[in-house]
Amino acid sequence: MIRNIVIKTSFPATHHWPDCDVPGVEYLRSPHRHLFYVTMKWSVSHGNREIEFIDQKKKVDAFILQQYNNQFIGTKSCEDIALELLQGFNASYCSVFEDNENGAEVYK
Protein backbone atom coordinates (compact mmCIF):
# COMPACT_ATOMS: atom_id res chain seq x y z
CA MET A 1 0.00 0.00 0.00
CA ILE A 2 1.25 3.49 -0.86
CA ARG A 3 0.46 6.33 1.54
CA ASN A 4 1.17 10.02 1.12
CA ILE A 5 0.32 13.21 2.87
CA VAL A 6 -0.55 16.03 0.47
CA ILE A 7 -0.52 19.80 0.67
CA LYS A 8 -1.72 22.37 -1.84
CA THR A 9 -0.92 26.06 -1.96
CA SER A 10 -0.62 28.89 -4.47
CA PHE A 11 1.23 32.14 -5.00
CA PRO A 12 1.37 35.00 -7.51
CA ALA A 13 4.65 35.74 -9.23
CA THR A 14 6.06 37.16 -12.43
CA HIS A 15 8.59 35.47 -14.69
CA HIS A 16 9.73 35.41 -18.30
CA TRP A 17 11.45 33.23 -20.90
CA PRO A 18 13.72 35.66 -22.75
CA ASP A 19 15.11 32.96 -25.08
CA CYS A 20 11.70 31.69 -26.21
CA ASP A 21 11.86 30.72 -29.87
CA VAL A 22 8.49 28.94 -30.05
CA PRO A 23 6.35 30.47 -32.80
CA GLY A 24 3.12 31.97 -31.53
CA VAL A 25 4.19 32.44 -27.92
CA GLU A 26 6.91 35.06 -28.32
CA TYR A 27 5.09 37.10 -25.65
CA LEU A 28 6.64 34.74 -23.07
CA ARG A 29 9.89 36.67 -23.58
CA SER A 30 8.38 39.58 -21.64
CA PRO A 31 7.69 39.46 -17.91
CA HIS A 32 4.19 38.13 -17.25
CA ARG A 33 2.24 37.25 -14.11
CA HIS A 34 0.77 33.90 -13.13
CA LEU A 35 -0.92 32.42 -10.14
CA PHE A 36 1.23 29.35 -9.52
CA TYR A 37 -0.51 26.31 -7.97
CA VAL A 38 1.65 23.88 -5.99
CA THR A 39 0.87 20.33 -4.89
CA MET A 40 3.39 18.41 -2.79
CA LYS A 41 3.41 14.86 -1.43
CA TRP A 42 5.48 13.04 1.18
CA SER A 43 5.50 9.27 1.59
CA VAL A 44 4.40 7.97 4.98
CA SER A 45 4.36 4.44 6.33
CA HIS A 46 1.24 4.57 8.51
CA GLY A 47 -1.94 6.53 9.05
CA ASN A 48 -0.96 8.07 12.37
CA ARG A 49 0.53 11.30 10.99
CA GLU A 50 4.25 10.63 11.16
CA ILE A 51 4.40 13.92 9.22
CA GLU A 52 1.79 16.53 10.11
CA PHE A 53 0.49 18.07 6.89
CA ILE A 54 -0.54 21.32 8.58
CA ASP A 55 3.07 21.84 9.74
CA GLN A 56 4.42 20.94 6.29
CA LYS A 57 2.11 23.46 4.64
CA LYS A 58 3.18 26.19 7.07
CA LYS A 59 6.85 25.51 6.27
CA VAL A 60 6.27 25.48 2.51
CA ASP A 61 4.14 28.63 2.65
CA ALA A 62 6.79 30.45 4.70
CA PHE A 63 9.44 29.54 2.13
CA ILE A 64 7.22 30.56 -0.79
CA LEU A 65 6.37 33.86 0.90
CA GLN A 66 10.06 34.68 1.20
CA GLN A 67 11.28 33.32 -2.16
CA TYR A 68 8.45 33.68 -4.70
CA ASN A 69 5.29 35.43 -3.51
CA ASN A 70 4.54 38.58 -5.54
CA GLN A 71 8.11 38.64 -6.81
CA PHE A 72 9.81 38.65 -10.17
CA ILE A 73 11.38 35.19 -10.25
CA GLY A 74 13.31 35.71 -13.47
CA THR A 75 13.56 32.75 -15.79
CA LYS A 76 12.41 30.13 -13.28
CA SER A 77 10.04 27.68 -14.91
CA CYS A 78 7.42 25.45 -13.32
CA GLU A 79 9.98 22.63 -13.56
CA ASP A 80 12.60 24.72 -11.75
CA ILE A 81 10.23 25.68 -8.94
CA ALA A 82 8.95 22.12 -8.52
CA LEU A 83 12.48 20.72 -8.31
CA GLU A 84 13.56 23.37 -5.81
CA LEU A 85 10.55 22.65 -3.58
CA LEU A 86 10.90 18.87 -3.91
CA GLN A 87 14.56 18.92 -2.93
CA GLY A 88 14.26 21.66 -0.32
CA PHE A 89 11.49 19.88 1.56
CA ASN A 90 12.49 16.28 0.85
CA ALA A 91 9.14 15.57 -0.78
CA SER A 92 8.40 12.59 -2.99
CA TYR A 93 6.36 14.61 -5.51
CA CYS A 94 5.80 18.22 -6.48
CA SER A 95 3.73 19.83 -9.21
CA VAL A 96 3.62 23.50 -10.17
CA PHE A 97 0.94 24.76 -12.55
CA GLU A 98 0.53 28.20 -14.09
CA ASP A 99 -2.99 29.51 -13.49
CA ASN A 100 -4.01 25.93 -12.62
CA GLU A 101 -3.93 25.01 -16.31
CA ASN A 102 -0.48 23.95 -17.54
CA GLY A 103 2.55 22.95 -15.54
CA ALA A 104 5.11 20.40 -14.55
CA GLU A 105 5.52 17.46 -12.18
CA VAL A 106 8.68 16.22 -10.51
CA TYR A 107 8.96 12.85 -8.76
CA LYS A 108 11.67 11.53 -6.48
C-alpha atoms as a PDB file:
ATOM      1  CA  MET A   1       0.000   0.000   0.000  1.00  0.00           C
ATOM      2  CA  ILE A   2       1.249   3.485  -0.861  1.00  0.00           C
ATOM      3  CA  ARG A   3       0.461   6.328   1.544  1.00  0.00           C
ATOM      4  CA  ASN A   4       1.166  10.016   1.119  1.00  0.00           C
ATOM      5  CA  ILE A   5       0.321  13.212   2.873  1.00  0.00           C
ATOM      6  CA  VAL A   6      -0.549  16.028   0.466  1.00  0.00           C
ATOM      7  CA  ILE A   7      -0.522  19.796   0.673  1.00  0.00           C
ATOM      8  CA  LYS A   8      -1.722  22.373  -1.839  1.00  0.00           C
ATOM      9  CA  THR A   9      -0.922  26.055  -1.963  1.00  0.00           C
ATOM     10  CA  SER A  10      -0.617  28.893  -4.472  1.00  0.00           C
ATOM     11  CA  PHE A  11       1.228  32.144  -4.996  1.00  0.00           C
ATOM     12  CA  PRO A  12       1.367  35.003  -7.508  1.00  0.00           C
ATOM     13  CA  ALA A  13       4.652  35.738  -9.227  1.00  0.00           C
ATOM     14  CA  THR A  14       6.056  37.159 -12.433  1.00  0.00           C
ATOM     15  CA  HIS A  15       8.588  35.470 -14.692  1.00  0.00           C
ATOM     16  CA  HIS A  16       9.735  35.414 -18.297  1.00  0.00           C
ATOM     17  CA  TRP A  17      11.453  33.234 -20.903  1.00  0.00           C
ATOM     18  CA  PRO A  18      13.724  35.662 -22.752  1.00  0.00           C
ATOM     19  CA  ASP A  19      15.111  32.965 -25.081  1.00  0.00           C
ATOM     20  CA  CYS A  20      11.701  31.692 -26.208  1.00  0.00           C
ATOM     21  CA  ASP A  21      11.856  30.724 -29.873  1.00  0.00           C
ATOM     22  CA  VAL A  22       8.494  28.936 -30.046  1.00  0.00           C
ATOM     23  CA  PRO A  23       6.355  30.475 -32.805  1.00  0.00           C
ATOM     24  CA  GLY A  24       3.118  31.968 -31.534  1.00  0.00           C
ATOM     25  CA  VAL A  25       4.191  32.438 -27.924  1.00  0.00           C
ATOM     26  CA  GLU A  26       6.912  35.057 -28.315  1.00  0.00           C
ATOM     27  CA  TYR A  27       5.091  37.098 -25.651  1.00  0.00           C
ATOM     28  CA  LEU A  28       6.638  34.743 -23.068  1.00  0.00           C
ATOM     29  CA  ARG A  29       9.889  36.669 -23.579  1.00  0.00           C
ATOM     30  CA  SER A  30       8.382  39.578 -21.638  1.00  0.00           C
ATOM     31  CA  PRO A  31       7.686  39.465 -17.907  1.00  0.00           C
ATOM     32  CA  HIS A  32       4.193  38.128 -17.253  1.00  0.00           C
ATOM     33  CA  ARG A  33       2.241  37.247 -14.109  1.00  0.00           C
ATOM     34  CA  HIS A  34       0.767  33.901 -13.135  1.00  0.00           C
ATOM     35  CA  LEU A  35      -0.923  32.417 -10.139  1.00  0.00           C
ATOM     36  CA  PHE A  36       1.226  29.345  -9.521  1.00  0.00           C
ATOM     37  CA  TYR A  37      -0.507  26.312  -7.969  1.00  0.00           C
ATOM     38  CA  VAL A  38       1.648  23.881  -5.993  1.00  0.00           C
ATOM     39  CA  THR A  39       0.873  20.327  -4.887  1.00  0.00           C
ATOM     40  CA  MET A  40       3.391  18.410  -2.793  1.00  0.00           C
ATOM     41  CA  LYS A  41       3.413  14.860  -1.433  1.00  0.00           C
ATOM     42  CA  TRP A  42       5.477  13.038   1.184  1.00  0.00           C
ATOM     43  CA  SER A  43       5.503   9.269   1.588  1.00  0.00           C
ATOM     44  CA  VAL A  44       4.402   7.971   4.975  1.00  0.00           C
ATOM     45  CA  SER A  45       4.363   4.437   6.333  1.00  0.00           C
ATOM     46  CA  HIS A  46       1.244   4.566   8.509  1.00  0.00           C
ATOM     47  CA  GLY A  47      -1.943   6.531   9.045  1.00  0.00           C
ATOM     48  CA  ASN A  48      -0.964   8.070  12.365  1.00  0.00           C
ATOM     49  CA  ARG A  49       0.530  11.304  10.992  1.00  0.00           C
ATOM     50  CA  GLU A  50       4.250  10.634  11.164  1.00  0.00           C
ATOM     51  CA  ILE A  51       4.396  13.922   9.224  1.00  0.00           C
ATOM     52  CA  GLU A  52       1.790  16.533  10.114  1.00  0.00           C
ATOM     53  CA  PHE A  53       0.495  18.069   6.888  1.00  0.00           C
ATOM     54  CA  ILE A  54      -0.543  21.320   8.583  1.00  0.00           C
ATOM     55  CA  ASP A  55       3.070  21.838   9.738  1.00  0.00           C
ATOM     56  CA  GLN A  56       4.416  20.942   6.292  1.00  0.00           C
ATOM     57  CA  LYS A  57       2.109  23.456   4.636  1.00  0.00           C
ATOM     58  CA  LYS A  58       3.179  26.188   7.074  1.00  0.00           C
ATOM     59  CA  LYS A  59       6.850  25.507   6.270  1.00  0.00           C
ATOM     60  CA  VAL A  60       6.271  25.476   2.509  1.00  0.00           C
ATOM     61  CA  ASP A  61       4.135  28.630   2.655  1.00  0.00           C
ATOM     62  CA  ALA A  62       6.786  30.454   4.704  1.00  0.00           C
ATOM     63  CA  PHE A  63       9.443  29.539   2.129  1.00  0.00           C
ATOM     64  CA  ILE A  64       7.216  30.557  -0.790  1.00  0.00           C
ATOM     65  CA  LEU A  65       6.368  33.859   0.899  1.00  0.00           C
ATOM     66  CA  GLN A  66      10.058  34.684   1.196  1.00  0.00           C
ATOM     67  CA  GLN A  67      11.278  33.316  -2.160  1.00  0.00           C
ATOM     68  CA  TYR A  68       8.448  33.684  -4.696  1.00  0.00           C
ATOM     69  CA  ASN A  69       5.293  35.426  -3.506  1.00  0.00           C
ATOM     70  CA  ASN A  70       4.540  38.580  -5.537  1.00  0.00           C
ATOM     71  CA  GLN A  71       8.114  38.640  -6.807  1.00  0.00           C
ATOM     72  CA  PHE A  72       9.811  38.653 -10.171  1.00  0.00           C
ATOM     73  CA  ILE A  73      11.379  35.189 -10.252  1.00  0.00           C
ATOM     74  CA  GLY A  74      13.313  35.715 -13.466  1.00  0.00           C
ATOM     75  CA  THR A  75      13.560  32.750 -15.789  1.00  0.00           C
ATOM     76  CA  LYS A  76      12.412  30.127 -13.279  1.00  0.00           C
ATOM     77  CA  SER A  77      10.040  27.676 -14.909  1.00  0.00           C
ATOM     78  CA  CYS A  78       7.417  25.449 -13.315  1.00  0.00           C
ATOM     79  CA  GLU A  79       9.980  22.631 -13.563  1.00  0.00           C
ATOM     80  CA  ASP A  80      12.596  24.725 -11.752  1.00  0.00           C
ATOM     81  CA  ILE A  81      10.228  25.681  -8.938  1.00  0.00           C
ATOM     82  CA  ALA A  82       8.951  22.119  -8.519  1.00  0.00           C
ATOM     83  CA  LEU A  83      12.481  20.720  -8.310  1.00  0.00           C
ATOM     84  CA  GLU A  84      13.557  23.369  -5.808  1.00  0.00           C
ATOM     85  CA  LEU A  85      10.553  22.653  -3.580  1.00  0.00           C
ATOM     86  CA  LEU A  86      10.896  18.870  -3.909  1.00  0.00           C
ATOM     87  CA  GLN A  87      14.559  18.920  -2.926  1.00  0.00           C
ATOM     88  CA  GLY A  88      14.257  21.658  -0.316  1.00  0.00           C
ATOM     89  CA  PHE A  89      11.486  19.883   1.559  1.00  0.00           C
ATOM     90  CA  ASN A  90      12.493  16.282   0.849  1.00  0.00           C
ATOM     91  CA  ALA A  91       9.135  15.571  -0.777  1.00  0.00           C
ATOM     92  CA  SER A  92       8.397  12.585  -2.990  1.00  0.00           C
ATOM     93  CA  TYR A  93       6.356  14.615  -5.506  1.00  0.00           C
ATOM     94  CA  CYS A  94       5.797  18.222  -6.476  1.00  0.00           C
ATOM     95  CA  SER A  95       3.729  19.827  -9.211  1.00  0.00           C
ATOM     96  CA  VAL A  96       3.617  23.498 -10.168  1.00  0.00           C
ATOM     97  CA  PHE A  97       0.945  24.762 -12.547  1.00  0.00           C
ATOM     98  CA  GLU A  98       0.526  28.203 -14.091  1.00  0.00           C
ATOM     99  CA  ASP A  99      -2.986  29.510 -13.494  1.00  0.00           C
ATOM    100  CA  ASN A 100      -4.007  25.934 -12.616  1.00  0.00           C
ATOM    101  CA  GLU A 101      -3.929  25.010 -16.312  1.00  0.00           C
ATOM    102  CA  ASN A 102      -0.476  23.955 -17.536  1.00  0.00           C
ATOM    103  CA  GLY A 103       2.549  22.953 -15.543  1.00  0.00           C
ATOM    104  CA  ALA A 104       5.114  20.397 -14.548  1.00  0.00           C
ATOM    105  CA  GLU A 105       5.517  17.464 -12.179  1.00  0.00           C
ATOM    106  CA  VAL A 106       8.682  16.218 -10.512  1.00  0.00           C
ATOM    107  CA  TYR A 107       8.957  12.852  -8.763  1.00  0.00           C
ATOM    108  CA  LYS A 108      11.671  11.532  -6.481  1.00  0.00           C
END
